[in-house]
Amino acid sequence: MTDTPPDRLSVDARSPFFNEEVLAKGIGIRFNGRNRTDVLEYSVSEGWILVAAGKSRDRYGNPMTTRIKGTVEPFFDQAMGVAKPDAPSA
C-alpha cells in the first residue's frame, strides 16, 4: 500500500470504490481547509465529497446524500484507524 490516499474512496461496501485496507488504516478528509468527519465518499480529481443530507433516509434505509464541490485533501490519520484486537491469552 502506498503512502498517498486513493483518488476516490467510498465507505459503502457496495461501491466499486470501497477499499477496506485503506479505511482500516484511517483516513481523514480536509474539505475547503476544514476537517470533515461525515464524508461518505470523495473524489479528489473531480473535486467533490458526498455527505448525508440530515437524518432523512430513502426507502431502503440508506441515508439521503448530497454532493458538495470544493477542494478535497485526503490524508492518513492514525487516530481514525481501526484498532485490531489482540489475540486472547490462554
N, C-alpha and C. Protein backbone atom coordinates (compact mmCIF):
# COMPACT_ATOMS: atom_id res chain seq x y z
N MET A 1 0.84 -1.17 0.00
CA MET A 1 0.00 0.00 0.00
C MET A 1 0.90 1.25 0.00
N THR A 2 0.50 2.26 -0.72
CA THR A 2 1.30 3.48 -0.82
C THR A 2 0.99 4.42 0.34
N ASP A 3 1.79 5.47 0.44
CA ASP A 3 1.60 6.47 1.49
C ASP A 3 0.63 7.56 1.10
N THR A 4 0.12 7.54 -0.13
CA THR A 4 -0.85 8.54 -0.55
C THR A 4 -2.23 7.90 -0.64
N PRO A 5 -3.25 8.59 -0.16
CA PRO A 5 -4.62 8.06 -0.24
C PRO A 5 -5.09 7.96 -1.69
N PRO A 6 -6.06 7.10 -1.96
CA PRO A 6 -6.56 6.95 -3.33
C PRO A 6 -7.29 8.21 -3.80
N ASP A 7 -7.41 8.34 -5.12
CA ASP A 7 -8.09 9.49 -5.71
C ASP A 7 -9.58 9.50 -5.38
N ARG A 8 -10.17 8.31 -5.27
CA ARG A 8 -11.60 8.21 -4.95
C ARG A 8 -11.80 7.06 -3.97
N LEU A 9 -12.64 7.28 -2.96
CA LEU A 9 -12.86 6.27 -1.93
C LEU A 9 -14.27 6.40 -1.39
N SER A 10 -14.88 5.27 -1.06
CA SER A 10 -16.22 5.23 -0.51
C SER A 10 -16.25 4.36 0.74
N VAL A 11 -17.11 4.70 1.69
CA VAL A 11 -17.28 3.87 2.89
C VAL A 11 -18.38 2.83 2.70
N ASP A 12 -19.11 2.89 1.58
CA ASP A 12 -20.19 1.95 1.29
C ASP A 12 -19.60 0.68 0.67
N ALA A 13 -19.83 -0.46 1.31
CA ALA A 13 -19.26 -1.72 0.84
C ALA A 13 -19.78 -2.14 -0.53
N ARG A 14 -20.91 -1.61 -0.97
CA ARG A 14 -21.47 -1.96 -2.28
C ARG A 14 -20.84 -1.17 -3.41
N SER A 15 -20.08 -0.14 -3.09
CA SER A 15 -19.48 0.73 -4.09
C SER A 15 -18.23 0.09 -4.69
N PRO A 16 -17.97 0.31 -5.98
CA PRO A 16 -16.72 -0.20 -6.56
C PRO A 16 -15.48 0.56 -6.04
N PHE A 17 -15.67 1.67 -5.36
CA PHE A 17 -14.57 2.46 -4.83
C PHE A 17 -14.32 2.19 -3.34
N PHE A 18 -14.93 1.16 -2.79
CA PHE A 18 -14.73 0.74 -1.41
C PHE A 18 -13.40 0.02 -1.30
N ASN A 19 -12.59 0.38 -0.29
CA ASN A 19 -11.30 -0.27 -0.06
C ASN A 19 -11.12 -0.43 1.45
N GLU A 20 -11.33 -1.65 1.92
CA GLU A 20 -11.29 -1.92 3.35
C GLU A 20 -9.91 -1.68 3.96
N GLU A 21 -8.85 -1.99 3.23
CA GLU A 21 -7.49 -1.79 3.75
C GLU A 21 -7.21 -0.32 4.05
N VAL A 22 -7.61 0.56 3.14
CA VAL A 22 -7.36 1.99 3.32
C VAL A 22 -8.21 2.52 4.47
N LEU A 23 -9.46 2.09 4.55
CA LEU A 23 -10.34 2.55 5.63
C LEU A 23 -9.84 2.07 6.99
N ALA A 24 -9.29 0.86 7.05
CA ALA A 24 -8.77 0.32 8.31
C ALA A 24 -7.53 1.09 8.76
N LYS A 25 -6.78 1.60 7.80
CA LYS A 25 -5.59 2.38 8.13
C LYS A 25 -5.97 3.71 8.75
N GLY A 26 -7.13 4.23 8.41
CA GLY A 26 -7.60 5.50 8.94
C GLY A 26 -7.35 6.62 7.95
N ILE A 27 -8.41 7.24 7.49
CA ILE A 27 -8.27 8.32 6.51
C ILE A 27 -9.11 9.50 6.94
N GLY A 28 -8.56 10.67 6.81
CA GLY A 28 -9.27 11.91 7.12
C GLY A 28 -9.44 12.73 5.86
N ILE A 29 -10.43 13.62 5.86
CA ILE A 29 -10.71 14.47 4.71
C ILE A 29 -10.69 15.92 5.14
N ARG A 30 -9.89 16.70 4.45
CA ARG A 30 -9.88 18.15 4.64
C ARG A 30 -10.59 18.73 3.42
N PHE A 31 -11.73 19.36 3.64
CA PHE A 31 -12.54 19.89 2.55
C PHE A 31 -12.62 21.40 2.69
N ASN A 32 -12.12 22.12 1.69
CA ASN A 32 -12.06 23.59 1.70
C ASN A 32 -11.37 24.10 2.97
N GLY A 33 -10.29 23.41 3.38
CA GLY A 33 -9.50 23.85 4.52
C GLY A 33 -10.05 23.46 5.89
N ARG A 34 -11.12 22.68 5.93
CA ARG A 34 -11.75 22.28 7.19
C ARG A 34 -11.84 20.76 7.26
N ASN A 35 -11.46 20.18 8.38
CA ASN A 35 -11.55 18.72 8.54
C ASN A 35 -13.01 18.30 8.65
N ARG A 36 -13.35 17.26 7.89
CA ARG A 36 -14.73 16.73 7.90
C ARG A 36 -14.70 15.28 8.36
N THR A 37 -15.67 14.91 9.18
CA THR A 37 -15.76 13.53 9.66
C THR A 37 -17.02 12.84 9.14
N ASP A 38 -17.85 13.54 8.37
CA ASP A 38 -19.12 12.99 7.91
C ASP A 38 -19.13 12.63 6.42
N VAL A 39 -17.96 12.43 5.82
CA VAL A 39 -17.85 12.16 4.39
C VAL A 39 -18.13 10.68 4.12
N LEU A 40 -19.04 10.42 3.17
CA LEU A 40 -19.35 9.04 2.78
C LEU A 40 -18.55 8.59 1.57
N GLU A 41 -18.21 9.53 0.69
CA GLU A 41 -17.41 9.24 -0.49
C GLU A 41 -16.74 10.54 -0.93
N TYR A 42 -15.57 10.42 -1.57
CA TYR A 42 -14.91 11.61 -2.08
C TYR A 42 -14.22 11.30 -3.40
N SER A 43 -13.96 12.37 -4.17
CA SER A 43 -13.17 12.28 -5.39
C SER A 43 -12.28 13.51 -5.46
N VAL A 44 -10.98 13.30 -5.42
CA VAL A 44 -10.03 14.41 -5.46
C VAL A 44 -10.00 15.03 -6.86
N SER A 45 -9.91 14.20 -7.90
CA SER A 45 -9.78 14.71 -9.27
C SER A 45 -11.02 15.47 -9.72
N GLU A 46 -12.20 15.04 -9.28
CA GLU A 46 -13.43 15.72 -9.67
C GLU A 46 -13.80 16.83 -8.69
N GLY A 47 -13.18 16.85 -7.50
CA GLY A 47 -13.37 17.92 -6.53
C GLY A 47 -14.73 17.93 -5.85
N TRP A 48 -15.14 16.79 -5.28
CA TRP A 48 -16.41 16.74 -4.56
C TRP A 48 -16.35 15.72 -3.42
N ILE A 49 -17.27 15.92 -2.46
CA ILE A 49 -17.50 14.94 -1.40
C ILE A 49 -18.98 14.63 -1.36
N LEU A 50 -19.31 13.47 -0.86
CA LEU A 50 -20.69 13.03 -0.70
C LEU A 50 -20.96 12.93 0.79
N VAL A 51 -21.97 13.65 1.27
CA VAL A 51 -22.31 13.64 2.69
C VAL A 51 -23.81 13.36 2.86
N ALA A 52 -24.17 12.89 4.03
CA ALA A 52 -25.58 12.63 4.34
C ALA A 52 -26.32 13.96 4.46
N ALA A 53 -27.54 13.99 3.95
CA ALA A 53 -28.36 15.20 3.99
C ALA A 53 -29.29 15.11 5.19
N GLY A 54 -28.80 15.50 6.35
CA GLY A 54 -29.60 15.44 7.56
C GLY A 54 -29.83 14.02 8.01
N LYS A 55 -31.00 13.78 8.61
CA LYS A 55 -31.31 12.44 9.10
C LYS A 55 -32.26 11.69 8.18
N SER A 56 -32.57 12.24 7.02
CA SER A 56 -33.51 11.60 6.11
C SER A 56 -32.92 10.34 5.50
N ARG A 57 -33.79 9.37 5.26
CA ARG A 57 -33.40 8.08 4.70
C ARG A 57 -34.24 7.78 3.47
N ASP A 58 -33.70 6.96 2.56
CA ASP A 58 -34.50 6.51 1.43
C ASP A 58 -35.33 5.30 1.85
N ARG A 59 -36.08 4.74 0.95
CA ARG A 59 -36.97 3.64 1.32
C ARG A 59 -36.25 2.35 1.67
N TYR A 60 -34.95 2.29 1.41
CA TYR A 60 -34.15 1.11 1.76
C TYR A 60 -33.38 1.30 3.06
N GLY A 61 -33.52 2.48 3.68
CA GLY A 61 -32.84 2.76 4.93
C GLY A 61 -31.47 3.40 4.79
N ASN A 62 -31.07 3.68 3.55
CA ASN A 62 -29.79 4.33 3.32
C ASN A 62 -29.95 5.85 3.47
N PRO A 63 -28.90 6.54 3.93
CA PRO A 63 -29.02 7.99 4.09
C PRO A 63 -29.17 8.70 2.75
N MET A 64 -30.00 9.73 2.71
CA MET A 64 -30.09 10.59 1.54
C MET A 64 -28.79 11.40 1.51
N THR A 65 -28.23 11.57 0.34
CA THR A 65 -26.92 12.22 0.24
C THR A 65 -26.97 13.45 -0.65
N THR A 66 -25.97 14.30 -0.46
CA THR A 66 -25.79 15.46 -1.32
C THR A 66 -24.31 15.57 -1.66
N ARG A 67 -24.03 16.03 -2.86
CA ARG A 67 -22.66 16.18 -3.34
C ARG A 67 -22.27 17.65 -3.25
N ILE A 68 -21.14 17.89 -2.59
CA ILE A 68 -20.65 19.26 -2.39
C ILE A 68 -19.33 19.39 -3.14
N LYS A 69 -19.19 20.46 -3.93
CA LYS A 69 -17.97 20.67 -4.71
C LYS A 69 -17.02 21.60 -3.97
N GLY A 70 -15.73 21.33 -4.10
CA GLY A 70 -14.70 22.14 -3.47
C GLY A 70 -13.35 21.46 -3.54
N THR A 71 -12.43 21.91 -2.73
CA THR A 71 -11.08 21.35 -2.67
C THR A 71 -11.04 20.20 -1.68
N VAL A 72 -10.67 19.01 -2.17
CA VAL A 72 -10.63 17.80 -1.34
C VAL A 72 -9.18 17.40 -1.11
N GLU A 73 -8.81 17.23 0.16
CA GLU A 73 -7.46 16.82 0.52
C GLU A 73 -7.54 15.63 1.49
N PRO A 74 -7.42 14.39 0.98
CA PRO A 74 -7.42 13.24 1.88
C PRO A 74 -6.04 13.07 2.53
N PHE A 75 -6.03 12.52 3.75
CA PHE A 75 -4.78 12.26 4.45
C PHE A 75 -4.99 11.06 5.37
N PHE A 76 -3.88 10.35 5.64
CA PHE A 76 -3.96 9.23 6.57
C PHE A 76 -3.89 9.77 7.98
N ASP A 77 -4.80 9.30 8.83
CA ASP A 77 -4.89 9.75 10.21
C ASP A 77 -4.84 8.53 11.12
N GLN A 78 -3.76 8.37 11.87
CA GLN A 78 -3.59 7.21 12.74
C GLN A 78 -4.67 7.13 13.81
N ALA A 79 -5.17 8.27 14.29
CA ALA A 79 -6.18 8.28 15.34
C ALA A 79 -7.51 7.71 14.84
N MET A 80 -7.77 7.78 13.53
CA MET A 80 -9.03 7.31 12.99
C MET A 80 -8.98 5.85 12.57
N GLY A 81 -7.80 5.24 12.59
CA GLY A 81 -7.65 3.85 12.16
C GLY A 81 -8.39 2.90 13.07
N VAL A 82 -8.77 1.77 12.52
CA VAL A 82 -9.49 0.76 13.28
C VAL A 82 -8.48 -0.04 14.09
N ALA A 83 -8.66 -0.08 15.38
CA ALA A 83 -7.76 -0.85 16.25
C ALA A 83 -8.04 -2.34 16.07
N LYS A 84 -6.99 -3.09 15.88
CA LYS A 84 -7.13 -4.54 15.74
C LYS A 84 -7.05 -5.17 17.12
N PRO A 85 -7.99 -6.02 17.48
CA PRO A 85 -7.95 -6.62 18.80
C PRO A 85 -6.78 -7.58 18.96
N ASP A 86 -6.24 -7.60 20.16
CA ASP A 86 -5.14 -8.52 20.45
C ASP A 86 -5.69 -9.93 20.58
N ALA A 87 -4.81 -10.87 20.32
CA ALA A 87 -5.21 -12.28 20.46
C ALA A 87 -5.43 -12.58 21.93
N PRO A 88 -6.48 -13.32 22.26
CA PRO A 88 -6.73 -13.63 23.66
C PRO A 88 -5.63 -14.53 24.22
N SER A 89 -5.24 -14.25 25.43
CA SER A 89 -4.20 -15.08 26.04
C SER A 89 -4.83 -16.27 26.75
N ALA A 90 -4.14 -17.38 26.70
CA ALA A 90 -4.70 -18.62 27.27
C ALA A 90 -4.27 -18.82 28.69
